[in-house]
Amino acid sequence: MSLIKTYLHNLQMNNQLEMLSQREQLMEDIDAIITSQYLNDKIDEDDMEDLIRMLCDAVCKNFPTK
């Protein structure tokens, strides 16, 4: 592989890794926010888990891995 192709491939892989890291952090933030609301407002635990799942699914849909 040429030097330029190697550089571009590595750049693309780094961008992909950064995006996946940001996506994971966003899902962790969603979980923390919803869980804190659950603890403060005493919402139903099943509703909380469903909401977290729906929001994380939306994140994955909008930030696909490929």
C-alpha atoms as a PDB file:
ATOM      1  CA  MET A   1       0.000   0.000   0.000  1.00  0.00           C
ATOM      2  CA  SER A   2       1.338   3.413  -0.888  1.00  0.00           C
ATOM      3  CA  LEU A   3       2.165   5.935   1.804  1.00  0.00           C
ATOM      4  CA  ILE A   4      -0.799   8.145   0.840  1.00  0.00           C
ATOM      5  CA  LYS A   5      -3.240   5.223   0.834  1.00  0.00           C
ATOM      6  CA  THR A   6      -1.901   4.071   4.189  1.00  0.00           C
ATOM      7  CA  TYR A   7      -2.273   7.577   5.626  1.00  0.00           C
ATOM      8  CA  LEU A   8      -5.833   7.942   4.314  1.00  0.00           C
ATOM      9  CA  HIS A   9      -6.776   4.492   5.575  1.00  0.00           C
ATOM     10  CA  ASN A  10      -5.376   5.285   9.030  1.00  0.00           C
ATOM     11  CA  LEU A  11      -7.159   8.647   9.041  1.00  0.00           C
ATOM     12  CA  GLN A  12     -10.432   6.966   8.128  1.00  0.00           C
ATOM     13  CA  MET A  13      -9.957   4.348  10.856  1.00  0.00           C
ATOM     14  CA  ASN A  14      -9.174   7.057  13.435  1.00  0.00           C
ATOM     15  CA  ASN A  15     -12.279   9.020  12.406  1.00  0.00           C
ATOM     16  CA  GLN A  16     -14.390   5.856  12.671  1.00  0.00           C
ATOM     17  CA  LEU A  17     -12.983   5.078  16.125  1.00  0.00           C
ATOM     18  CA  GLU A  18     -13.588   8.645  17.299  1.00  0.00           C
ATOM     19  CA  MET A  19     -17.185   8.554  16.042  1.00  0.00           C
ATOM     20  CA  LEU A  20     -17.823   5.224  17.765  1.00  0.00           C
ATOM     21  CA  SER A  21     -16.357   6.577  21.007  1.00  0.00           C
ATOM     22  CA  GLN A  22     -18.574   9.645  20.812  1.00  0.00           C
ATOM     23  CA  ARG A  23     -21.613   7.477  20.050  1.00  0.00           C
ATOM     24  CA  GLU A  24     -20.874   5.294  23.074  1.00  0.00           C
ATOM     25  CA  GLN A  25     -20.448   8.367  25.298  1.00  0.00           C
ATOM     26  CA  LEU A  26     -23.769   9.773  24.075  1.00  0.00           C
ATOM     27  CA  MET A  27     -25.541   6.521  24.957  1.00  0.00           C
ATOM     28  CA  GLU A  28     -23.920   6.521  28.410  1.00  0.00           C
ATOM     29  CA  ASP A  29     -25.084  10.129  28.902  1.00  0.00           C
ATOM     30  CA  ILE A  30     -28.628   9.176  27.874  1.00  0.00           C
ATOM     31  CA  ASP A  31     -28.605   6.335  30.382  1.00  0.00           C
ATOM     32  CA  ALA A  32     -27.313   8.599  33.173  1.00  0.00           C
ATOM     33  CA  ILE A  33     -29.832  11.373  32.461  1.00  0.00           C
ATOM     34  CA  ILE A  34     -32.826   9.056  32.294  1.00  0.00           C
ATOM     35  CA  THR A  35     -31.689   7.111  35.365  1.00  0.00           C
ATOM     36  CA  SER A  36     -31.295  10.334  37.362  1.00  0.00           C
ATOM     37  CA  GLN A  37     -34.826  11.358  36.352  1.00  0.00           C
ATOM     38  CA  TYR A  38     -36.040   7.931  37.423  1.00  0.00           C
ATOM     39  CA  LEU A  39     -34.435   8.383  40.843  1.00  0.00           C
ATOM     40  CA  ASN A  40     -35.784  11.935  41.228  1.00  0.00           C
ATOM     41  CA  ASP A  41     -39.283  11.494  39.809  1.00  0.00           C
ATOM     42  CA  LYS A  42     -39.888   7.829  40.630  1.00  0.00           C
ATOM     43  CA  ILE A  43     -41.032   6.950  37.104  1.00  0.00           C
ATOM     44  CA  ASP A  44     -41.803   3.306  36.336  1.00  0.00           C
ATOM     45  CA  GLU A  45     -38.580   1.289  35.902  1.00  0.00           C
ATOM     46  CA  ASP A  46     -39.905  -0.529  32.822  1.00  0.00           C
ATOM     47  CA  ASP A  47     -40.791   2.808  31.203  1.00  0.00           C
ATOM     48  CA  MET A  48     -37.323   4.106  32.025  1.00  0.00           C
ATOM     49  CA  GLU A  49     -35.608   1.099  30.437  1.00  0.00           C
ATOM     50  CA  ASP A  50     -37.848   1.315  27.355  1.00  0.00           C
ATOM     51  CA  LEU A  51     -37.053   5.012  26.959  1.00  0.00           C
ATOM     52  CA  ILE A  52     -33.301   4.396  27.299  1.00  0.00           C
ATOM     53  CA  ARG A  53     -33.488   1.585  24.740  1.00  0.00           C
ATOM     54  CA  MET A  54     -35.460   3.715  22.251  1.00  0.00           C
ATOM     55  CA  LEU A  55     -33.064   6.649  22.551  1.00  0.00           C
ATOM     56  CA  CYS A  56     -29.968   4.459  22.212  1.00  0.00           C
ATOM     57  CA  ASP A  57     -31.515   2.739  19.178  1.00  0.00           C
ATOM     58  CA  ALA A  58     -32.029   6.183  17.640  1.00  0.00           C
ATOM     59  CA  VAL A  59     -28.367   7.024  18.284  1.00  0.00           C
ATOM     60  CA  CYS A  60     -27.246   3.796  16.595  1.00  0.00           C
ATOM     61  CA  LYS A  61     -29.587   4.421  13.655  1.00  0.00           C
ATOM     62  CA  ASN A  62     -28.251   7.943  13.113  1.00  0.00           C
ATOM     63  CA  PHE A  63     -24.606   7.040  13.701  1.00  0.00           C
ATOM     64  CA  PRO A  64     -24.178   3.658  11.982  1.00  0.00           C
ATOM     65  CA  THR A  65     -20.887   1.815  12.129  1.00  0.00           C
ATOM     66  CA  LYS A  66     -20.800   1.404   8.335  1.00  0.00           C
END
